[in-house]
């Protein structure tokens, strides 16, 4: 039985957090907990999250005093989850939602079928604006992930022990602060490199509805910062692919 720790990071998303949490609560796979972190933006996201949570003890809602942004919130939420090494971390933004009630079962089936360490998936936008989410898998056997088009999009999941092998400094910008934008690449490149394509599996099923209606997405509010961070992340040395025997004996 795989235990899933769902990490939900929220900016201003009072109009969507209820739909996000409802999509989690409707999952037919039962072995999950959700950790919701809300950066304060003067709206009612926290109140709306509390209403949707209701009495569901599987959901923990935390509101920050100050905005910490996605990467810092991810680090802190994983720590709060007290995930065990073989638990699977699942990420979902508070203004997006799972596409069906079977998403977690699809993810679990991928782990049990392929004995993988990491998955990345496919999504569709909530309206057709030409933004495509059905991206392909990385070609088999490649190792130069940072030199290629970034494909490791949502829904992103990984084994907790793999996360623990990332150097915390690689989740921070040139000023030593956790990335406020493009943190997904800082997170995924090291784990892709350590896993290799034989242990990092692409899921072609549509797993998520990506909310293109919100005006608060990073590509709309922090585009320049995103591109600067991406260049810095791609310039960093690649991690070494892990020999399976070392992992299995650890």
C-alpha atoms as a PDB file:
ATOM      1  CA  UNK A   1       0.000   0.000   0.000  1.00  0.00           C
ATOM      2  CA  UNK A   2       1.428   3.367  -1.043  1.00  0.00           C
ATOM      3  CA  UNK A   3       0.743   6.371   1.147  1.00  0.00           C
ATOM      4  CA  UNK A   4       0.402   9.671  -0.714  1.00  0.00           C
ATOM      5  CA  UNK A   5       1.194  13.106   0.701  1.00  0.00           C
ATOM      6  CA  UNK A   6      -0.522  15.752  -1.419  1.00  0.00           C
ATOM      7  CA  UNK A   7       1.114  19.175  -1.183  1.00  0.00           C
ATOM      8  CA  UNK A   8      -1.168  22.064  -2.158  1.00  0.00           C
ATOM      9  CA  UNK A   9       0.360  25.545  -2.394  1.00  0.00           C
ATOM     10  CA  UNK A  10      -1.934  28.567  -2.647  1.00  0.00           C
ATOM     11  CA  UNK A  11      -1.590  32.157  -3.663  1.00  0.00           C
ATOM     12  CA  UNK A  12      -4.786  34.185  -4.099  1.00  0.00           C
ATOM     13  CA  UNK A  13      -7.229  31.498  -5.203  1.00  0.00           C
ATOM     14  CA  UNK A  14     -10.420  31.937  -3.208  1.00  0.00           C
ATOM     15  CA  UNK A  15     -12.495  31.189  -6.320  1.00  0.00           C
ATOM     16  CA  UNK A  16     -10.760  27.855  -6.950  1.00  0.00           C
ATOM     17  CA  UNK A  17      -9.472  26.297  -3.729  1.00  0.00           C
ATOM     18  CA  UNK A  18     -12.850  24.717  -3.008  1.00  0.00           C
ATOM     19  CA  UNK A  19     -12.837  22.958  -6.374  1.00  0.00           C
ATOM     20  CA  UNK A  20      -9.222  21.879  -5.835  1.00  0.00           C
ATOM     21  CA  UNK A  21      -9.887  20.315  -2.441  1.00  0.00           C
ATOM     22  CA  UNK A  22     -13.164  18.774  -3.591  1.00  0.00           C
ATOM     23  CA  UNK A  23     -11.274  17.015  -6.397  1.00  0.00           C
ATOM     24  CA  UNK A  24      -8.909  15.564  -3.790  1.00  0.00           C
ATOM     25  CA  UNK A  25     -11.679  14.463  -1.443  1.00  0.00           C
ATOM     26  CA  UNK A  26     -13.452  12.668  -4.310  1.00  0.00           C
ATOM     27  CA  UNK A  27     -10.485  10.400  -5.061  1.00  0.00           C
ATOM     28  CA  UNK A  28     -11.313   6.695  -4.949  1.00  0.00           C
ATOM     29  CA  UNK A  29      -7.816   5.831  -3.695  1.00  0.00           C
ATOM     30  CA  UNK A  30      -8.131   6.345   0.075  1.00  0.00           C
ATOM     31  CA  UNK A  31      -4.565   6.378   1.414  1.00  0.00           C
ATOM     32  CA  UNK A  32      -3.715  10.060   1.206  1.00  0.00           C
ATOM     33  CA  UNK A  33      -3.243  13.151   3.318  1.00  0.00           C
ATOM     34  CA  UNK A  34      -3.280  16.717   1.985  1.00  0.00           C
ATOM     35  CA  UNK A  35      -1.207  19.625   3.316  1.00  0.00           C
ATOM     36  CA  UNK A  36      -2.509  22.992   2.160  1.00  0.00           C
ATOM     37  CA  UNK A  37      -0.316  26.089   2.568  1.00  0.00           C
ATOM     38  CA  UNK A  38      -1.741  29.546   1.905  1.00  0.00           C
ATOM     39  CA  UNK A  39       0.299  32.690   1.351  1.00  0.00           C
ATOM     40  CA  UNK A  40      -1.642  35.751   2.561  1.00  0.00           C
ATOM     41  CA  UNK A  41      -2.877  38.042  -0.210  1.00  0.00           C
ATOM     42  CA  UNK A  42      -5.810  39.788   1.444  1.00  0.00           C
ATOM     43  CA  UNK A  43      -8.462  37.510  -0.022  1.00  0.00           C
ATOM     44  CA  UNK A  44     -10.580  34.680   1.450  1.00  0.00           C
ATOM     45  CA  UNK A  45      -8.545  31.690   0.287  1.00  0.00           C
ATOM     46  CA  UNK A  46      -7.938  30.505   3.859  1.00  0.00           C
ATOM     47  CA  UNK A  47     -11.618  30.759   4.822  1.00  0.00           C
ATOM     48  CA  UNK A  48     -12.725  28.983   1.636  1.00  0.00           C
ATOM     49  CA  UNK A  49     -10.183  26.199   2.239  1.00  0.00           C
ATOM     50  CA  UNK A  50     -11.459  25.727   5.787  1.00  0.00           C
ATOM     51  CA  UNK A  51     -15.041  25.474   4.546  1.00  0.00           C
ATOM     52  CA  UNK A  52     -14.150  22.816   1.952  1.00  0.00           C
ATOM     53  CA  UNK A  53     -12.016  20.903   4.430  1.00  0.00           C
ATOM     54  CA  UNK A  54     -14.966  20.636   6.784  1.00  0.00           C
ATOM     55  CA  UNK A  55     -14.377  17.796   9.216  1.00  0.00           C
ATOM     56  CA  UNK A  56     -12.009  15.876   6.956  1.00  0.00           C
ATOM     57  CA  UNK A  57      -9.013  15.159   9.177  1.00  0.00           C
ATOM     58  CA  UNK A  58      -6.938  14.064   6.189  1.00  0.00           C
ATOM     59  CA  UNK A  59      -6.601  17.722   5.188  1.00  0.00           C
ATOM     60  CA  UNK A  60      -4.380  20.170   7.084  1.00  0.00           C
ATOM     61  CA  UNK A  61      -4.682  23.869   6.237  1.00  0.00           C
ATOM     62  CA  UNK A  62      -1.919  26.323   7.211  1.00  0.00           C
ATOM     63  CA  UNK A  63      -1.798  30.054   6.504  1.00  0.00           C
ATOM     64  CA  UNK A  64       1.549  31.849   6.554  1.00  0.00           C
ATOM     65  CA  UNK A  65       2.090  35.183   8.266  1.00  0.00           C
ATOM     66  CA  UNK A  66       4.069  36.378   5.230  1.00  0.00           C
ATOM     67  CA  UNK A  67       4.178  35.143   1.646  1.00  0.00           C
ATOM     68  CA  UNK A  68       6.937  32.560   1.232  1.00  0.00           C
ATOM     69  CA  UNK A  69       6.060  31.377  -2.315  1.00  0.00           C
ATOM     70  CA  UNK A  70       5.978  27.937  -3.825  1.00  0.00           C
ATOM     71  CA  UNK A  71       9.421  26.411  -3.217  1.00  0.00           C
ATOM     72  CA  UNK A  72       9.710  27.402   0.443  1.00  0.00           C
ATOM     73  CA  UNK A  73       6.125  26.287   1.009  1.00  0.00           C
ATOM     74  CA  UNK A  74       6.850  22.944  -0.654  1.00  0.00           C
ATOM     75  CA  UNK A  75       9.889  22.347   1.560  1.00  0.00           C
ATOM     76  CA  UNK A  76       7.987  23.240   4.725  1.00  0.00           C
ATOM     77  CA  UNK A  77       4.865  21.260   3.832  1.00  0.00           C
ATOM     78  CA  UNK A  78       6.822  18.089   3.070  1.00  0.00           C
ATOM     79  CA  UNK A  79       8.510  18.472   6.435  1.00  0.00           C
ATOM     80  CA  UNK A  80       5.135  18.950   8.156  1.00  0.00           C
ATOM     81  CA  UNK A  81       3.755  15.854   6.445  1.00  0.00           C
ATOM     82  CA  UNK A  82       6.291  13.629   8.251  1.00  0.00           C
ATOM     83  CA  UNK A  83       6.437  11.499   5.102  1.00  0.00           C
ATOM     84  CA  UNK A  84       8.304   8.212   5.338  1.00  0.00           C
ATOM     85  CA  UNK A  85      10.998   7.400   2.739  1.00  0.00           C
ATOM     86  CA  UNK A  86       8.703   5.221   0.591  1.00  0.00           C
ATOM     87  CA  UNK A  87       5.748   7.622   0.732  1.00  0.00           C
ATOM     88  CA  UNK A  88       4.912   9.430  -2.499  1.00  0.00           C
ATOM     89  CA  UNK A  89       4.772  13.227  -2.629  1.00  0.00           C
ATOM     90  CA  UNK A  90       2.092  14.615  -4.990  1.00  0.00           C
ATOM     91  CA  UNK A  91       1.963  18.314  -5.887  1.00  0.00           C
ATOM     92  CA  UNK A  92      -1.101  20.333  -6.901  1.00  0.00           C
ATOM     93  CA  UNK A  93      -1.554  24.102  -6.970  1.00  0.00           C
ATOM     94  CA  UNK A  94      -4.532  25.514  -5.124  1.00  0.00           C
ATOM     95  CA  UNK A  95      -6.054  27.036  -8.264  1.00  0.00           C
ATOM     96  CA  UNK A  96      -5.879  23.756 -10.248  1.00  0.00           C
ATOM     97  CA  UNK A  97      -7.735  20.491  -9.687  1.00  0.00           C
ATOM     98  CA  UNK A  98      -7.574  16.772 -10.462  1.00  0.00           C
ATOM     99  CA  UNK A  99      -9.307  15.817 -13.698  1.00  0.00           C
ATOM    100  CA  UNK A 100     -11.155  12.762 -12.372  1.00  0.00           C
ATOM    101  CA  UNK A 101     -11.782  10.664  -9.280  1.00  0.00           C
ATOM    102  CA  UNK A 102      -9.243   8.083 -10.472  1.00  0.00           C
ATOM    103  CA  UNK A 103      -6.121  10.254 -10.633  1.00  0.00           C
ATOM    104  CA  UNK A 104      -4.484   8.900  -7.487  1.00  0.00           C
ATOM    105  CA  UNK A 105      -5.227   5.317  -8.542  1.00  0.00           C
ATOM    106  CA  UNK A 106      -3.520   5.976 -11.881  1.00  0.00           C
ATOM    107  CA  UNK A 107      -0.468   7.347 -10.079  1.00  0.00           C
ATOM    108  CA  UNK A 108      -0.315   4.408  -7.656  1.00  0.00           C
ATOM    109  CA  UNK A 109      -0.738   1.920 -10.500  1.00  0.00           C
ATOM    110  CA  UNK A 110       2.224   3.520 -12.299  1.00  0.00           C
ATOM    111  CA  UNK A 111       4.445   3.109  -9.233  1.00  0.00           C
ATOM    112  CA  UNK A 112       3.445  -0.507  -8.645  1.00  0.00           C
ATOM    113  CA  UNK A 113       3.670  -1.495 -12.325  1.00  0.00           C
ATOM    114  CA  UNK A 114       7.028   0.102 -13.126  1.00  0.00           C
ATOM    115  CA  UNK A 115       8.682   0.294  -9.678  1.00  0.00           C
ATOM    116  CA  UNK A 116       9.481   3.902 -10.509  1.00  0.00           C
ATOM    117  CA  UNK A 117      10.807   6.648  -8.255  1.00  0.00           C
ATOM    118  CA  UNK A 118       9.214   9.657  -9.925  1.00  0.00           C
ATOM    119  CA  UNK A 119       6.330  10.438 -12.270  1.00  0.00           C
ATOM    120  CA  UNK A 120       5.321  13.422 -14.357  1.00  0.00           C
ATOM    121  CA  UNK A 121       2.130  13.746 -16.250  1.00  0.00           C
ATOM    122  CA  UNK A 122      -0.335  15.376 -18.539  1.00  0.00           C
ATOM    123  CA  UNK A 123      -2.990  18.027 -18.131  1.00  0.00           C
ATOM    124  CA  UNK A 124      -5.422  20.122 -20.116  1.00  0.00           C
ATOM    125  CA  UNK A 125      -6.298  23.800 -19.621  1.00  0.00           C
ATOM    126  CA  UNK A 126      -9.718  24.739 -18.309  1.00  0.00           C
ATOM    127  CA  UNK A 127     -10.367  26.548 -21.570  1.00  0.00           C
ATOM    128  CA  UNK A 128      -8.744  26.424 -24.993  1.00  0.00           C
ATOM    129  CA  UNK A 129      -6.184  29.213 -25.188  1.00  0.00           C
ATOM    130  CA  UNK A 130      -3.668  27.282 -27.244  1.00  0.00           C
ATOM    131  CA  UNK A 131      -1.610  26.228 -24.210  1.00  0.00           C
ATOM    132  CA  UNK A 132      -0.925  22.506 -24.602  1.00  0.00           C
ATOM    133  CA  UNK A 133      -0.463  20.181 -21.641  1.00  0.00           C
ATOM    134  CA  UNK A 134      -0.215  16.810 -23.339  1.00  0.00           C
ATOM    135  CA  UNK A 135       3.554  16.926 -23.652  1.00  0.00           C
ATOM    136  CA  UNK A 136       5.600  13.828 -24.534  1.00  0.00           C
ATOM    137  CA  UNK A 137       7.906  11.792 -22.336  1.00  0.00           C
ATOM    138  CA  UNK A 138      11.640  12.372 -22.254  1.00  0.00           C
ATOM    139  CA  UNK A 139      13.346  10.085 -24.788  1.00  0.00           C
ATOM    140  CA  UNK A 140      14.560   6.817 -23.296  1.00  0.00           C
ATOM    141  CA  UNK A 141      18.160   6.774 -22.119  1.00  0.00           C
ATOM    142  CA  UNK A 142      18.869  10.507 -22.200  1.00  0.00           C
ATOM    143  CA  UNK A 143      20.817  12.115 -19.352  1.00  0.00           C
ATOM    144  CA  UNK A 144      21.072  15.759 -20.470  1.00  0.00           C
ATOM    145  CA  UNK A 145      17.742  16.891 -18.985  1.00  0.00           C
ATOM    146  CA  UNK A 146      18.896  20.474 -18.379  1.00  0.00           C
ATOM    147  CA  UNK A 147      19.830  20.932 -22.039  1.00  0.00           C
ATOM    148  CA  UNK A 148      16.397  19.864 -23.288  1.00  0.00           C
ATOM    149  CA  UNK A 149      12.912  21.288 -23.332  1.00  0.00           C
ATOM    150  CA  UNK A 150      11.422  20.948 -19.864  1.00  0.00           C
ATOM    151  CA  UNK A 151       8.762  18.212 -19.975  1.00  0.00           C
ATOM    152  CA  UNK A 152       8.312  17.219 -16.327  1.00  0.00           C
ATOM    153  CA  UNK A 153       4.977  18.950 -15.850  1.00  0.00           C
ATOM    154  CA  UNK A 154       2.011  18.280 -13.602  1.00  0.00           C
ATOM    155  CA  UNK A 155       0.972  16.153 -11.987  1.00  0.00           C
ATOM    156  CA  UNK A 156       4.475  15.728 -10.514  1.00  0.00           C
ATOM    157  CA  UNK A 157       5.113  13.009  -7.919  1.00  0.00           C
ATOM    158  CA  UNK A 158       8.156  11.396  -6.328  1.00  0.00           C
ATOM    159  CA  UNK A 159       9.322   9.094  -3.553  1.00  0.00           C
ATOM    160  CA  UNK A 160      10.231  10.963  -0.381  1.00  0.00           C
ATOM    161  CA  UNK A 161      13.676   9.324  -0.157  1.00  0.00           C
ATOM    162  CA  UNK A 162      14.527  10.762  -3.587  1.00  0.00           C
ATOM    163  CA  UNK A 163      13.556  14.247  -2.422  1.00  0.00           C
ATOM    164  CA  UNK A 164      15.850  13.868   0.585  1.00  0.00           C
ATOM    165  CA  UNK A 165      18.858  13.533  -1.732  1.00  0.00           C
ATOM    166  CA  UNK A 166      18.453  17.033  -3.188  1.00  0.00           C
ATOM    167  CA  UNK A 167      20.935  19.559  -1.832  1.00  0.00           C
ATOM    168  CA  UNK A 168      18.859  22.357  -0.278  1.00  0.00           C
ATOM    169  CA  UNK A 169      21.192  24.900  -1.873  1.00  0.00           C
ATOM    170  CA  UNK A 170      19.957  23.804  -5.285  1.00  0.00           C
ATOM    171  CA  UNK A 171      16.440  24.933  -4.370  1.00  0.00           C
ATOM    172  CA  UNK A 172      17.680  28.498  -3.819  1.00  0.00           C
ATOM    173  CA  UNK A 173      18.516  31.387  -6.123  1.00  0.00           C
ATOM    174  CA  UNK A 174      21.797  33.255  -6.423  1.00  0.00           C
ATOM    175  CA  UNK A 175      20.883  35.286  -3.321  1.00  0.00           C
ATOM    176  CA  UNK A 176      20.322  32.180  -1.221  1.00  0.00           C
ATOM    177  CA  UNK A 177      16.527  32.544  -1.174  1.00  0.00           C
ATOM    178  CA  UNK A 178      14.144  29.759  -2.153  1.00  0.00           C
ATOM    179  CA  UNK A 179      12.981  30.245  -5.723  1.00  0.00           C
ATOM    180  CA  UNK A 180       9.775  32.261  -5.981  1.00  0.00           C
ATOM    181  CA  UNK A 181       9.284  31.207  -9.600  1.00  0.00           C
ATOM    182  CA  UNK A 182      10.503  28.253 -11.708  1.00  0.00           C
ATOM    183  CA  UNK A 183      11.036  26.253  -8.548  1.00  0.00           C
ATOM    184  CA  UNK A 184       9.524  23.227 -10.262  1.00  0.00           C
ATOM    185  CA  UNK A 185      12.611  22.933 -12.462  1.00  0.00           C
ATOM    186  CA  UNK A 186      14.925  23.299  -9.481  1.00  0.00           C
ATOM    187  CA  UNK A 187      13.026  20.431  -7.842  1.00  0.00           C
ATOM    188  CA  UNK A 188      12.606  18.144 -10.833  1.00  0.00           C
ATOM    189  CA  UNK A 189      15.961  18.345 -12.625  1.00  0.00           C
ATOM    190  CA  UNK A 190      17.947  16.764  -9.761  1.00  0.00           C
ATOM    191  CA  UNK A 191      15.414  13.956  -9.292  1.00  0.00           C
ATOM    192  CA  UNK A 192      15.179  13.284 -13.028  1.00  0.00           C
ATOM    193  CA  UNK A 193      18.967  13.088 -13.218  1.00  0.00           C
ATOM    194  CA  UNK A 194      19.183  10.742 -10.242  1.00  0.00           C
ATOM    195  CA  UNK A 195      16.362   8.533 -11.534  1.00  0.00           C
ATOM    196  CA  UNK A 196      17.172   8.353 -15.223  1.00  0.00           C
ATOM    197  CA  UNK A 197      14.404   7.658 -17.715  1.00  0.00           C
ATOM    198  CA  UNK A 198      14.080   4.039 -16.538  1.00  0.00           C
ATOM    199  CA  UNK A 199      12.867   5.176 -13.095  1.00  0.00           C
ATOM    200  CA  UNK A 200      11.150   8.458 -14.055  1.00  0.00           C
ATOM    201  CA  UNK A 201       7.861   7.594 -15.724  1.00  0.00           C
ATOM    202  CA  UNK A 202       5.634   9.759 -17.861  1.00  0.00           C
ATOM    203  CA  UNK A 203       1.871   9.322 -17.353  1.00  0.00           C
ATOM    204  CA  UNK A 204      -0.041  10.041 -20.542  1.00  0.00           C
ATOM    205  CA  UNK A 205      -3.484  10.008 -18.897  1.00  0.00           C
ATOM    206  CA  UNK A 206      -4.880  13.482 -18.282  1.00  0.00           C
ATOM    207  CA  UNK A 207      -4.456  13.985 -14.537  1.00  0.00           C
ATOM    208  CA  UNK A 208      -5.081  17.676 -13.956  1.00  0.00           C
ATOM    209  CA  UNK A 209      -7.083  20.664 -15.124  1.00  0.00           C
ATOM    210  CA  UNK A 210      -4.709  23.613 -15.351  1.00  0.00           C
ATOM    211  CA  UNK A 211      -6.418  26.889 -14.553  1.00  0.00           C
ATOM    212  CA  UNK A 212      -5.519  29.325 -17.316  1.00  0.00           C
ATOM    213  CA  UNK A 213      -8.226  31.774 -16.216  1.00  0.00           C
ATOM    214  CA  UNK A 214      -6.435  33.000 -13.099  1.00  0.00           C
ATOM    215  CA  UNK A 215      -4.457  36.232 -13.545  1.00  0.00           C
ATOM    216  CA  UNK A 216      -2.020  35.197 -10.787  1.00  0.00           C
ATOM    217  CA  UNK A 217      -0.039  32.425 -12.509  1.00  0.00           C
ATOM    218  CA  UNK A 218       3.723  32.945 -12.504  1.00  0.00           C
ATOM    219  CA  UNK A 219       3.960  33.144 -16.298  1.00  0.00           C
ATOM    220  CA  UNK A 220       1.709  36.215 -16.092  1.00  0.00           C
ATOM    221  CA  UNK A 221       3.130  37.892 -12.976  1.00  0.00           C
ATOM    222  CA  UNK A 222       6.789  36.826 -12.766  1.00  0.00           C
ATOM    223  CA  UNK A 223       7.777  36.035 -16.349  1.00  0.00           C
ATOM    224  CA  UNK A 224      11.133  37.825 -16.260  1.00  0.00           C
ATOM    225  CA  UNK A 225      12.020  36.245 -12.922  1.00  0.00           C
ATOM    226  CA  UNK A 226      11.032  32.841 -14.315  1.00  0.00           C
ATOM    227  CA  UNK A 227      13.400  33.169 -17.274  1.00  0.00           C
ATOM    228  CA  UNK A 228      16.275  34.390 -15.094  1.00  0.00           C
ATOM    229  CA  UNK A 229      15.791  31.522 -12.665  1.00  0.00           C
ATOM    230  CA  UNK A 230      15.535  28.986 -15.456  1.00  0.00           C
ATOM    231  CA  UNK A 231      18.880  30.081 -16.910  1.00  0.00           C
ATOM    232  CA  UNK A 232      20.499  29.820 -13.482  1.00  0.00           C
ATOM    233  CA  UNK A 233      18.998  26.379 -12.746  1.00  0.00           C
ATOM    234  CA  UNK A 234      20.029  25.008 -16.128  1.00  0.00           C
ATOM    235  CA  UNK A 235      23.600  26.254 -15.593  1.00  0.00           C
ATOM    236  CA  UNK A 236      24.086  24.220 -12.416  1.00  0.00           C
ATOM    237  CA  UNK A 237      25.935  20.868 -12.498  1.00  0.00           C
ATOM    238  CA  UNK A 238      23.809  17.795 -13.126  1.00  0.00           C
ATOM    239  CA  UNK A 239      23.296  15.193 -10.436  1.00  0.00           C
ATOM    240  CA  UNK A 240      24.696  11.701 -10.971  1.00  0.00           C
ATOM    241  CA  UNK A 241      22.298   8.920 -11.905  1.00  0.00           C
ATOM    242  CA  UNK A 242      21.877   6.566  -8.960  1.00  0.00           C
ATOM    243  CA  UNK A 243      22.935   2.914  -9.205  1.00  0.00           C
ATOM    244  CA  UNK A 244      19.949   0.838  -8.157  1.00  0.00           C
ATOM    245  CA  UNK A 245      22.007  -1.362  -5.820  1.00  0.00           C
ATOM    246  CA  UNK A 246      23.009   1.677  -3.710  1.00  0.00           C
ATOM    247  CA  UNK A 247      19.415   2.797  -3.358  1.00  0.00           C
ATOM    248  CA  UNK A 248      18.141  -0.658  -2.504  1.00  0.00           C
ATOM    249  CA  UNK A 249      20.761  -1.179   0.186  1.00  0.00           C
ATOM    250  CA  UNK A 250      20.279   2.275   1.727  1.00  0.00           C
END
